[in-house]
Amino acid sequence: MIIGLTGGIGVGKSFVANCFKEFGAAVFDADTVIHQLYKVDKGIISYAEENFPGVIVNGEIDRTILSKYFLAYDENWKQFQSLVHSAVRNELEFFIAQEKEIGRKLLILDVPLLLETRFRLYCDLIVFIHADSVVQARRLNGRNIDKEKLDLISNVQLPIEEKRKMSDFIIDTSTSEGYVFSQVKDIVDLLNSSS
């Protein structure tokens, strides 16, 4: 069973993914994979070096400098994003094959733009993660995401209500960690009882 996590930025997808880990799930964390690609993928590094001046520091892509180019969101950025998505997809397919080979029953995909890209096609189920706006704003403050960047991120994502409609389950992360964990447990129990 492959479950994709979706929701707005700062709603607690990583925490929910970690809750699923407690039940034996393997988690594919696309952000971690991208961090690694920015250090070792020659094609991605070379493209960034040619198109985003100053972004290569000590032979790898500096994410802070790169984020300034994201705000332009031009053809160069879209081409770069396409290269990154392709590399992430290769890593994901390797991950799925590896985990299935060892008999893992539950895989969690924590991938930004899951529903906006073809990554959703790998999923059997989608879990929508929601936090109330006050909690979400507090989390985003801790991540130094300014309004301009937040607006751009929102513009490239599907509307939240659409994501909710496309999902099979909803988890609310506005309250305690214990309550979030119990919601994950309910999903896992339901999947176990129906398999």
N, C-alpha and C. Protein backbone atom coordinates (compact mmCIF):
# COMPACT_ATOMS: atom_id res chain seq x y z
N MET A 1 0.85 -1.19 0.00
CA MET A 1 0.00 0.00 0.00
C MET A 1 0.89 1.25 0.00
N ILE A 2 0.64 2.12 -0.95
CA ILE A 2 1.42 3.36 -1.04
C ILE A 2 0.49 4.53 -0.74
N ILE A 3 0.83 5.30 0.28
CA ILE A 3 0.02 6.44 0.71
C ILE A 3 0.80 7.73 0.44
N GLY A 4 0.16 8.65 -0.26
CA GLY A 4 0.75 9.96 -0.50
C GLY A 4 0.20 10.97 0.49
N LEU A 5 1.09 11.85 0.98
CA LEU A 5 0.66 12.91 1.90
C LEU A 5 0.55 14.22 1.14
N THR A 6 -0.52 14.95 1.39
CA THR A 6 -0.69 16.25 0.75
C THR A 6 -1.26 17.25 1.75
N GLY A 7 -1.21 18.52 1.40
CA GLY A 7 -1.71 19.59 2.27
C GLY A 7 -0.92 20.85 1.98
N GLY A 8 -1.26 21.93 2.65
CA GLY A 8 -0.54 23.18 2.44
C GLY A 8 0.85 23.13 3.06
N ILE A 9 1.59 24.22 2.91
CA ILE A 9 2.93 24.31 3.49
C ILE A 9 2.80 24.58 5.00
N GLY A 10 3.62 23.92 5.80
CA GLY A 10 3.62 24.16 7.25
C GLY A 10 2.49 23.50 8.01
N VAL A 11 1.90 22.43 7.44
CA VAL A 11 0.78 21.78 8.13
C VAL A 11 1.21 20.55 8.94
N GLY A 12 2.49 20.15 8.81
CA GLY A 12 2.97 19.03 9.63
C GLY A 12 3.06 17.70 8.90
N LYS A 13 3.30 17.74 7.58
CA LYS A 13 3.40 16.48 6.81
C LYS A 13 4.54 15.60 7.31
N SER A 14 5.67 16.21 7.66
CA SER A 14 6.82 15.41 8.12
C SER A 14 6.50 14.71 9.44
N PHE A 15 5.80 15.40 10.32
CA PHE A 15 5.44 14.77 11.60
C PHE A 15 4.49 13.59 11.36
N VAL A 16 3.52 13.78 10.47
CA VAL A 16 2.59 12.69 10.15
C VAL A 16 3.35 11.51 9.55
N ALA A 17 4.30 11.80 8.66
CA ALA A 17 5.12 10.74 8.06
C ALA A 17 5.85 9.95 9.15
N ASN A 18 6.38 10.68 10.13
CA ASN A 18 7.09 10.01 11.25
C ASN A 18 6.14 9.16 12.09
N CYS A 19 4.88 9.59 12.22
CA CYS A 19 3.89 8.77 12.94
C CYS A 19 3.67 7.46 12.20
N PHE A 20 3.56 7.52 10.87
CA PHE A 20 3.38 6.30 10.09
C PHE A 20 4.59 5.37 10.25
N LYS A 21 5.78 5.97 10.37
CA LYS A 21 7.00 5.16 10.59
C LYS A 21 6.88 4.29 11.83
N GLU A 22 6.23 4.84 12.86
CA GLU A 22 6.05 4.10 14.12
C GLU A 22 5.27 2.80 13.90
N PHE A 23 4.51 2.76 12.82
CA PHE A 23 3.72 1.55 12.50
C PHE A 23 4.41 0.71 11.43
N GLY A 24 5.70 0.93 11.25
CA GLY A 24 6.47 0.09 10.33
C GLY A 24 6.52 0.56 8.89
N ALA A 25 5.99 1.75 8.61
CA ALA A 25 6.01 2.26 7.23
C ALA A 25 7.42 2.74 6.87
N ALA A 26 7.74 2.64 5.59
CA ALA A 26 8.96 3.27 5.07
C ALA A 26 8.53 4.59 4.44
N VAL A 27 9.31 5.64 4.68
CA VAL A 27 8.94 6.98 4.20
C VAL A 27 9.90 7.44 3.12
N PHE A 28 9.33 7.87 2.00
CA PHE A 28 10.12 8.50 0.94
C PHE A 28 9.96 10.00 1.14
N ASP A 29 11.03 10.66 1.60
CA ASP A 29 11.01 12.10 1.87
C ASP A 29 11.71 12.81 0.71
N ALA A 30 10.91 13.38 -0.19
CA ALA A 30 11.47 13.99 -1.39
C ALA A 30 12.42 15.14 -1.08
N ASP A 31 12.15 15.90 -0.01
CA ASP A 31 13.04 17.02 0.34
C ASP A 31 14.45 16.51 0.65
N THR A 32 14.54 15.41 1.40
CA THR A 32 15.84 14.83 1.73
C THR A 32 16.55 14.35 0.46
N VAL A 33 15.78 13.73 -0.43
CA VAL A 33 16.34 13.25 -1.71
C VAL A 33 16.88 14.43 -2.52
N ILE A 34 16.11 15.52 -2.57
CA ILE A 34 16.54 16.70 -3.33
C ILE A 34 17.81 17.30 -2.74
N HIS A 35 17.89 17.38 -1.42
CA HIS A 35 19.12 17.87 -0.76
C HIS A 35 20.32 17.09 -1.28
N GLN A 36 20.16 15.76 -1.35
CA GLN A 36 21.25 14.90 -1.80
C GLN A 36 21.57 15.14 -3.27
N LEU A 37 20.52 15.25 -4.10
CA LEU A 37 20.73 15.49 -5.54
C LEU A 37 21.50 16.79 -5.78
N TYR A 38 21.21 17.81 -4.97
CA TYR A 38 21.89 19.10 -5.11
C TYR A 38 23.39 18.99 -4.81
N LYS A 39 23.77 17.90 -4.14
CA LYS A 39 25.19 17.69 -3.81
C LYS A 39 25.89 16.79 -4.82
N VAL A 40 25.14 15.85 -5.44
CA VAL A 40 25.82 14.82 -6.23
C VAL A 40 25.39 14.68 -7.69
N ASP A 41 24.19 15.17 -8.04
CA ASP A 41 23.70 14.96 -9.41
C ASP A 41 24.36 15.95 -10.38
N LYS A 42 25.26 15.42 -11.21
CA LYS A 42 26.05 16.29 -12.10
C LYS A 42 25.19 17.07 -13.09
N GLY A 43 24.13 16.43 -13.62
CA GLY A 43 23.25 17.10 -14.57
C GLY A 43 22.53 18.29 -13.95
N ILE A 44 22.01 18.10 -12.75
CA ILE A 44 21.28 19.17 -12.04
C ILE A 44 22.24 20.29 -11.65
N ILE A 45 23.40 19.91 -11.12
CA ILE A 45 24.40 20.91 -10.70
C ILE A 45 24.87 21.72 -11.90
N SER A 46 25.14 21.04 -13.01
CA SER A 46 25.63 21.71 -14.21
C SER A 46 24.58 22.68 -14.76
N TYR A 47 23.31 22.27 -14.78
CA TYR A 47 22.24 23.15 -15.26
C TYR A 47 22.14 24.39 -14.37
N ALA A 48 22.20 24.18 -13.06
CA ALA A 48 22.11 25.30 -12.12
C ALA A 48 23.28 26.26 -12.31
N GLU A 49 24.46 25.70 -12.52
CA GLU A 49 25.66 26.53 -12.69
C GLU A 49 25.54 27.42 -13.93
N GLU A 50 24.99 26.87 -15.00
CA GLU A 50 24.85 27.62 -16.26
C GLU A 50 23.75 28.67 -16.19
N ASN A 51 22.68 28.40 -15.46
CA ASN A 51 21.50 29.25 -15.52
C ASN A 51 21.22 30.11 -14.29
N PHE A 52 21.85 29.77 -13.18
CA PHE A 52 21.61 30.52 -11.94
C PHE A 52 22.95 30.96 -11.36
N PRO A 53 23.49 32.09 -11.84
CA PRO A 53 24.81 32.54 -11.39
C PRO A 53 24.94 32.62 -9.87
N GLY A 54 26.07 32.09 -9.37
CA GLY A 54 26.39 32.20 -7.95
C GLY A 54 25.77 31.12 -7.07
N VAL A 55 24.99 30.20 -7.69
CA VAL A 55 24.26 29.22 -6.89
C VAL A 55 25.14 28.03 -6.45
N ILE A 56 26.26 27.81 -7.14
CA ILE A 56 27.14 26.69 -6.78
C ILE A 56 28.19 27.16 -5.76
N VAL A 57 28.17 26.53 -4.60
CA VAL A 57 29.12 26.85 -3.55
C VAL A 57 29.79 25.54 -3.13
N ASN A 58 31.12 25.50 -3.21
CA ASN A 58 31.89 24.27 -2.88
C ASN A 58 31.40 23.05 -3.67
N GLY A 59 31.07 23.29 -4.94
CA GLY A 59 30.72 22.17 -5.82
C GLY A 59 29.30 21.67 -5.71
N GLU A 60 28.49 22.29 -4.85
CA GLU A 60 27.09 21.86 -4.75
C GLU A 60 26.15 23.07 -4.75
N ILE A 61 24.86 22.80 -4.95
CA ILE A 61 23.87 23.87 -5.04
C ILE A 61 23.55 24.39 -3.64
N ASP A 62 23.66 25.70 -3.49
CA ASP A 62 23.31 26.35 -2.22
C ASP A 62 21.81 26.67 -2.26
N ARG A 63 21.05 26.03 -1.40
CA ARG A 63 19.58 26.17 -1.43
C ARG A 63 19.11 27.58 -1.13
N THR A 64 19.83 28.29 -0.27
CA THR A 64 19.42 29.65 0.08
C THR A 64 19.54 30.56 -1.14
N ILE A 65 20.65 30.45 -1.86
CA ILE A 65 20.84 31.27 -3.06
C ILE A 65 19.84 30.84 -4.13
N LEU A 66 19.65 29.52 -4.27
CA LEU A 66 18.73 28.99 -5.28
C LEU A 66 17.31 29.52 -5.07
N SER A 67 16.89 29.66 -3.81
CA SER A 67 15.51 30.09 -3.54
C SER A 67 15.20 31.47 -4.11
N LYS A 68 16.24 32.30 -4.29
CA LYS A 68 16.02 33.62 -4.88
C LYS A 68 15.60 33.49 -6.35
N TYR A 69 16.12 32.47 -7.03
CA TYR A 69 15.75 32.25 -8.43
C TYR A 69 14.34 31.67 -8.55
N PHE A 70 13.90 30.97 -7.52
CA PHE A 70 12.53 30.42 -7.50
C PHE A 70 11.52 31.54 -7.66
N LEU A 71 11.81 32.69 -7.04
CA LEU A 71 10.86 33.81 -7.09
C LEU A 71 10.63 34.33 -8.50
N ALA A 72 11.62 34.14 -9.40
CA ALA A 72 11.45 34.56 -10.80
C ALA A 72 10.46 33.63 -11.51
N TYR A 73 10.49 32.36 -11.15
CA TYR A 73 9.64 31.31 -11.71
C TYR A 73 9.51 31.42 -13.23
N ASP A 74 10.65 31.54 -13.90
CA ASP A 74 10.68 31.69 -15.35
C ASP A 74 10.91 30.34 -16.03
N GLU A 75 11.14 30.36 -17.34
CA GLU A 75 11.35 29.11 -18.10
C GLU A 75 12.57 28.34 -17.58
N ASN A 76 13.64 29.08 -17.23
CA ASN A 76 14.84 28.42 -16.67
C ASN A 76 14.47 27.62 -15.43
N TRP A 77 13.67 28.25 -14.56
CA TRP A 77 13.29 27.57 -13.32
C TRP A 77 12.45 26.34 -13.62
N LYS A 78 11.49 26.48 -14.56
CA LYS A 78 10.61 25.35 -14.89
C LYS A 78 11.41 24.18 -15.47
N GLN A 79 12.42 24.50 -16.29
CA GLN A 79 13.27 23.46 -16.87
C GLN A 79 14.10 22.78 -15.76
N PHE A 80 14.60 23.58 -14.84
CA PHE A 80 15.36 23.06 -13.71
C PHE A 80 14.47 22.14 -12.87
N GLN A 81 13.26 22.60 -12.61
CA GLN A 81 12.31 21.83 -11.80
C GLN A 81 11.99 20.49 -12.49
N SER A 82 11.88 20.53 -13.81
CA SER A 82 11.61 19.31 -14.56
C SER A 82 12.77 18.30 -14.42
N LEU A 83 14.00 18.80 -14.47
CA LEU A 83 15.19 17.94 -14.27
C LEU A 83 15.16 17.30 -12.88
N VAL A 84 14.86 18.14 -11.88
CA VAL A 84 14.83 17.66 -10.49
C VAL A 84 13.72 16.61 -10.32
N HIS A 85 12.52 16.89 -10.86
CA HIS A 85 11.41 15.94 -10.75
C HIS A 85 11.75 14.60 -11.38
N SER A 86 12.42 14.64 -12.51
CA SER A 86 12.80 13.41 -13.20
C SER A 86 13.78 12.58 -12.35
N ALA A 87 14.75 13.26 -11.74
CA ALA A 87 15.72 12.57 -10.88
C ALA A 87 15.03 12.02 -9.63
N VAL A 88 14.10 12.78 -9.06
CA VAL A 88 13.37 12.32 -7.87
C VAL A 88 12.52 11.10 -8.23
N ARG A 89 11.90 11.14 -9.40
CA ARG A 89 11.08 10.01 -9.84
C ARG A 89 11.93 8.73 -9.94
N ASN A 90 13.14 8.85 -10.49
CA ASN A 90 14.04 7.69 -10.56
C ASN A 90 14.34 7.14 -9.17
N GLU A 91 14.62 8.05 -8.22
CA GLU A 91 14.90 7.64 -6.85
C GLU A 91 13.68 6.98 -6.21
N LEU A 92 12.50 7.52 -6.51
CA LEU A 92 11.26 6.98 -5.95
C LEU A 92 11.02 5.56 -6.47
N GLU A 93 11.23 5.34 -7.75
CA GLU A 93 11.00 4.01 -8.32
C GLU A 93 11.96 2.99 -7.72
N PHE A 94 13.19 3.43 -7.47
CA PHE A 94 14.17 2.56 -6.83
C PHE A 94 13.73 2.23 -5.40
N PHE A 95 13.27 3.26 -4.68
CA PHE A 95 12.79 3.10 -3.30
C PHE A 95 11.63 2.10 -3.25
N ILE A 96 10.64 2.26 -4.14
CA ILE A 96 9.46 1.38 -4.14
C ILE A 96 9.89 -0.06 -4.41
N ALA A 97 10.75 -0.26 -5.42
CA ALA A 97 11.20 -1.61 -5.78
C ALA A 97 11.94 -2.26 -4.61
N GLN A 98 12.81 -1.47 -3.96
CA GLN A 98 13.61 -1.96 -2.83
C GLN A 98 12.72 -2.37 -1.66
N GLU A 99 11.77 -1.51 -1.32
CA GLU A 99 10.89 -1.78 -0.18
C GLU A 99 9.95 -2.96 -0.44
N LYS A 100 9.48 -3.06 -1.68
CA LYS A 100 8.60 -4.20 -2.01
C LYS A 100 9.38 -5.50 -1.95
N GLU A 101 10.64 -5.45 -2.36
CA GLU A 101 11.49 -6.65 -2.35
C GLU A 101 11.67 -7.20 -0.93
N ILE A 102 11.76 -6.29 0.04
CA ILE A 102 11.94 -6.76 1.43
C ILE A 102 10.59 -7.03 2.11
N GLY A 103 9.50 -6.86 1.35
CA GLY A 103 8.18 -7.20 1.86
C GLY A 103 7.51 -6.13 2.70
N ARG A 104 7.93 -4.88 2.55
CA ARG A 104 7.31 -3.79 3.30
C ARG A 104 5.87 -3.60 2.84
N LYS A 105 4.96 -3.52 3.80
CA LYS A 105 3.53 -3.44 3.47
C LYS A 105 3.04 -2.00 3.25
N LEU A 106 3.70 -1.04 3.91
CA LEU A 106 3.19 0.32 3.88
C LEU A 106 4.31 1.30 3.51
N LEU A 107 4.07 2.06 2.43
CA LEU A 107 5.04 3.09 2.00
C LEU A 107 4.34 4.44 2.04
N ILE A 108 5.06 5.44 2.54
CA ILE A 108 4.53 6.79 2.64
C ILE A 108 5.35 7.70 1.72
N LEU A 109 4.65 8.47 0.88
CA LEU A 109 5.34 9.42 0.00
C LEU A 109 5.09 10.83 0.52
N ASP A 110 6.17 11.48 0.96
CA ASP A 110 6.11 12.88 1.39
C ASP A 110 6.78 13.67 0.28
N VAL A 111 5.98 14.08 -0.70
CA VAL A 111 6.50 14.73 -1.91
C VAL A 111 5.77 16.05 -2.13
N PRO A 112 6.51 17.18 -2.17
CA PRO A 112 5.85 18.46 -2.48
C PRO A 112 5.20 18.37 -3.87
N LEU A 113 4.09 19.04 -4.04
CA LEU A 113 3.36 19.04 -5.32
C LEU A 113 2.94 17.62 -5.74
N LEU A 114 2.63 16.80 -4.76
CA LEU A 114 2.23 15.41 -5.03
C LEU A 114 1.05 15.34 -6.00
N LEU A 115 0.00 16.12 -5.72
CA LEU A 115 -1.20 16.06 -6.55
C LEU A 115 -1.06 16.86 -7.85
N GLU A 116 -0.13 17.82 -7.85
CA GLU A 116 0.05 18.66 -9.04
C GLU A 116 0.93 17.98 -10.09
N THR A 117 1.61 16.93 -9.70
CA THR A 117 2.54 16.24 -10.61
C THR A 117 2.11 14.78 -10.77
N ARG A 118 2.85 14.06 -11.57
CA ARG A 118 2.52 12.64 -11.82
C ARG A 118 2.85 11.74 -10.63
N PHE A 119 3.44 12.30 -9.58
CA PHE A 119 3.78 11.49 -8.41
C PHE A 119 2.53 10.85 -7.78
N ARG A 120 1.39 11.50 -7.94
CA ARG A 120 0.14 10.96 -7.36
C ARG A 120 -0.21 9.60 -7.96
N LEU A 121 0.27 9.34 -9.19
CA LEU A 121 -0.07 8.08 -9.87
C LEU A 121 0.56 6.87 -9.19
N TYR A 122 1.55 7.09 -8.33
CA TYR A 122 2.18 5.99 -7.60
C TYR A 122 1.36 5.59 -6.37
N CYS A 123 0.39 6.43 -6.00
CA CYS A 123 -0.31 6.25 -4.72
C CYS A 123 -1.59 5.43 -4.84
N ASP A 124 -1.81 4.59 -3.83
CA ASP A 124 -3.08 3.87 -3.70
C ASP A 124 -4.10 4.72 -2.96
N LEU A 125 -3.61 5.53 -2.02
CA LEU A 125 -4.47 6.40 -1.21
C LEU A 125 -3.78 7.74 -0.98
N ILE A 126 -4.57 8.78 -0.75
CA ILE A 126 -4.03 10.11 -0.45
C ILE A 126 -4.56 10.54 0.92
N VAL A 127 -3.66 11.04 1.76
CA VAL A 127 -4.04 11.60 3.06
C VAL A 127 -3.82 13.11 3.02
N PHE A 128 -4.89 13.85 3.27
CA PHE A 128 -4.83 15.31 3.31
C PHE A 128 -4.53 15.75 4.74
N ILE A 129 -3.50 16.57 4.91
CA ILE A 129 -3.11 17.04 6.24
C ILE A 129 -3.47 18.51 6.37
N HIS A 130 -4.15 18.80 7.46
CA HIS A 130 -4.71 20.14 7.64
C HIS A 130 -4.32 20.68 9.02
N ALA A 131 -4.03 21.98 9.06
CA ALA A 131 -3.84 22.66 10.36
C ALA A 131 -4.60 23.98 10.27
N ASP A 132 -5.12 24.46 11.41
CA ASP A 132 -5.82 25.74 11.33
C ASP A 132 -4.81 26.85 11.03
N SER A 133 -5.30 27.97 10.53
CA SER A 133 -4.43 29.02 9.99
C SER A 133 -3.48 29.61 11.04
N VAL A 134 -3.90 29.67 12.29
CA VAL A 134 -3.04 30.22 13.35
C VAL A 134 -1.84 29.31 13.58
N VAL A 135 -2.11 28.00 13.68
CA VAL A 135 -1.03 27.02 13.89
C VAL A 135 -0.09 27.02 12.68
N GLN A 136 -0.68 27.05 11.49
CA GLN A 136 0.12 27.04 10.26
C GLN A 136 1.03 28.27 10.19
N ALA A 137 0.48 29.45 10.52
CA ALA A 137 1.26 30.70 10.48
C ALA A 137 2.42 30.63 11.47
N ARG A 138 2.17 30.06 12.65
CA ARG A 138 3.22 29.94 13.67
C ARG A 138 4.36 29.06 13.16
N ARG A 139 3.99 27.95 12.53
CA ARG A 139 5.02 27.05 11.99
C ARG A 139 5.81 27.72 10.87
N LEU A 140 5.14 28.47 10.02
CA LEU A 140 5.82 29.13 8.90
C LEU A 140 6.76 30.23 9.39
N ASN A 141 6.38 30.91 10.47
CA ASN A 141 7.25 31.94 11.05
C ASN A 141 8.59 31.35 11.44
N GLY A 142 8.56 30.14 11.96
CA GLY A 142 9.79 29.47 12.37
C GLY A 142 10.65 29.04 11.20
N ARG A 143 10.08 29.07 9.98
CA ARG A 143 10.83 28.62 8.80
C ARG A 143 11.26 29.78 7.90
N ASN A 144 11.06 31.01 8.37
CA ASN A 144 11.50 32.20 7.62
C ASN A 144 11.01 32.23 6.17
N ILE A 145 9.72 31.97 5.97
CA ILE A 145 9.15 32.04 4.61
C ILE A 145 8.37 33.34 4.53
N ASP A 146 8.85 34.26 3.66
CA ASP A 146 8.17 35.56 3.57
C ASP A 146 6.91 35.45 2.71
N LYS A 147 6.12 36.53 2.72
CA LYS A 147 4.82 36.51 2.04
C LYS A 147 4.97 36.28 0.54
N GLU A 148 5.99 36.89 -0.08
CA GLU A 148 6.19 36.75 -1.53
C GLU A 148 6.40 35.28 -1.91
N LYS A 149 7.25 34.62 -1.14
CA LYS A 149 7.53 33.20 -1.41
C LYS A 149 6.30 32.35 -1.14
N LEU A 150 5.60 32.65 -0.05
CA LEU A 150 4.40 31.90 0.31
C LEU A 150 3.33 32.04 -0.78
N ASP A 151 3.15 33.26 -1.28
CA ASP A 151 2.16 33.50 -2.35
C ASP A 151 2.51 32.70 -3.60
N LEU A 152 3.79 32.70 -3.96
CA LEU A 152 4.21 31.96 -5.15
C LEU A 152 4.00 30.46 -4.98
N ILE A 153 4.35 29.95 -3.79
CA ILE A 153 4.14 28.52 -3.51
C ILE A 153 2.65 28.19 -3.63
N SER A 154 1.81 29.06 -3.08
CA SER A 154 0.35 28.83 -3.14
C SER A 154 -0.15 28.85 -4.58
N ASN A 155 0.44 29.73 -5.41
CA ASN A 155 -0.01 29.85 -6.80
C ASN A 155 0.33 28.64 -7.66
N VAL A 156 1.42 27.92 -7.31
CA VAL A 156 1.79 26.75 -8.12
C VAL A 156 1.13 25.48 -7.59
N GLN A 157 0.43 25.58 -6.46
CA GLN A 157 -0.26 24.42 -5.89
C GLN A 157 -1.75 24.47 -6.22
N LEU A 158 -2.37 23.30 -6.20
CA LEU A 158 -3.83 23.24 -6.32
C LEU A 158 -4.45 23.92 -5.11
N PRO A 159 -5.66 24.48 -5.26
CA PRO A 159 -6.34 25.06 -4.10
C PRO A 159 -6.53 23.99 -3.01
N ILE A 160 -6.43 24.41 -1.76
CA ILE A 160 -6.54 23.49 -0.62
C ILE A 160 -7.82 22.66 -0.67
N GLU A 161 -8.94 23.31 -1.01
CA GLU A 161 -10.21 22.57 -1.04
C GLU A 161 -10.20 21.46 -2.08
N GLU A 162 -9.51 21.71 -3.20
CA GLU A 162 -9.40 20.69 -4.25
C GLU A 162 -8.57 19.50 -3.75
N LYS A 163 -7.48 19.82 -3.04
CA LYS A 163 -6.64 18.75 -2.46
C LYS A 163 -7.46 17.91 -1.48
N ARG A 164 -8.26 18.59 -0.69
CA ARG A 164 -9.09 17.89 0.30
C ARG A 164 -10.05 16.91 -0.42
N LYS A 165 -10.68 17.39 -1.51
CA LYS A 165 -11.64 16.57 -2.25
C LYS A 165 -10.97 15.36 -2.91
N MET A 166 -9.71 15.50 -3.29
CA MET A 166 -8.99 14.42 -3.98
C MET A 166 -8.43 13.39 -3.01
N SER A 167 -8.62 13.62 -1.70
CA SER A 167 -8.00 12.76 -0.69
C SER A 167 -8.97 11.73 -0.12
N ASP A 168 -8.39 10.63 0.37
CA ASP A 168 -9.18 9.54 0.95
C ASP A 168 -9.36 9.69 2.45
N PHE A 169 -8.38 10.32 3.11
CA PHE A 169 -8.42 10.53 4.56
C PHE A 169 -7.98 11.96 4.87
N ILE A 170 -8.41 12.46 6.03
CA ILE A 170 -7.99 13.80 6.47
C ILE A 170 -7.42 13.68 7.88
N ILE A 171 -6.28 14.31 8.10
CA ILE A 171 -5.67 14.35 9.43
C ILE A 171 -5.53 15.82 9.83
N ASP A 172 -6.02 16.13 11.02
CA ASP A 172 -5.93 17.49 11.55
C ASP A 172 -4.74 17.56 12.52
N THR A 173 -3.78 18.43 12.21
CA THR A 173 -2.58 18.55 13.06
C THR A 173 -2.61 19.80 13.93
N SER A 174 -3.78 20.39 14.10
CA SER A 174 -3.86 21.65 14.86
C SER A 174 -3.71 21.44 16.36
N THR A 175 -3.98 20.22 16.82
CA THR A 175 -3.98 20.00 18.27
C THR A 175 -2.71 19.27 18.72
N SER A 176 -2.85 18.36 19.66
CA SER A 176 -1.66 17.72 20.26
C SER A 176 -1.06 16.67 19.34
N GLU A 177 0.23 16.39 19.58
CA GLU A 177 0.92 15.34 18.82
C GLU A 177 0.26 13.99 19.08
N GLY A 178 -0.21 13.78 20.31
CA GLY A 178 -0.88 12.53 20.65
C GLY A 178 -2.14 12.32 19.82
N TYR A 179 -2.88 13.39 19.59
CA TYR A 179 -4.11 13.28 18.79
C TYR A 179 -3.77 13.00 17.32
N VAL A 180 -2.70 13.62 16.82
CA VAL A 180 -2.26 13.36 15.44
C VAL A 180 -1.90 11.88 15.32
N PHE A 181 -1.14 11.39 16.29
CA PHE A 181 -0.72 9.98 16.28
C PHE A 181 -1.95 9.06 16.28
N SER A 182 -2.96 9.41 17.07
CA SER A 182 -4.16 8.56 17.14
C SER A 182 -4.91 8.54 15.81
N GLN A 183 -4.89 9.66 15.08
CA GLN A 183 -5.54 9.69 13.76
C GLN A 183 -4.80 8.80 12.76
N VAL A 184 -3.46 8.81 12.85
CA VAL A 184 -2.66 7.94 11.99
C VAL A 184 -2.95 6.48 12.34
N LYS A 185 -3.01 6.18 13.64
CA LYS A 185 -3.30 4.81 14.09
C LYS A 185 -4.65 4.34 13.56
N ASP A 186 -5.65 5.23 13.55
CA ASP A 186 -6.98 4.86 13.04
C ASP A 186 -6.90 4.46 11.57
N ILE A 187 -6.11 5.19 10.79
CA ILE A 187 -5.96 4.88 9.36
C ILE A 187 -5.26 3.53 9.19
N VAL A 188 -4.18 3.33 9.94
CA VAL A 188 -3.42 2.07 9.85
C VAL A 188 -4.31 0.89 10.25
N ASP A 189 -5.07 1.06 11.35
CA ASP A 189 -5.98 -0.01 11.81
C ASP A 189 -7.02 -0.35 10.75
N LEU A 190 -7.56 0.69 10.12
CA LEU A 190 -8.58 0.49 9.09
C LEU A 190 -7.99 -0.26 7.88
N LEU A 191 -6.77 0.11 7.49
CA LEU A 191 -6.12 -0.54 6.37
C LEU A 191 -5.82 -2.00 6.71
N ASN A 192 -5.37 -2.25 7.94
CA ASN A 192 -5.05 -3.62 8.37
C ASN A 192 -6.31 -4.49 8.40
N SER A 193 -7.43 -3.90 8.84
CA SER A 193 -8.66 -4.70 8.97
C SER A 193 -9.27 -4.99 7.61
N SER A 194 -8.96 -4.15 6.60
CA SER A 194 -9.57 -4.38 5.28
C SER A 194 -8.66 -5.16 4.34
N SER A 195 -7.42 -5.45 4.81
CA SER A 195 -6.50 -6.18 3.90
C SER A 195 -6.58 -7.68 4.11
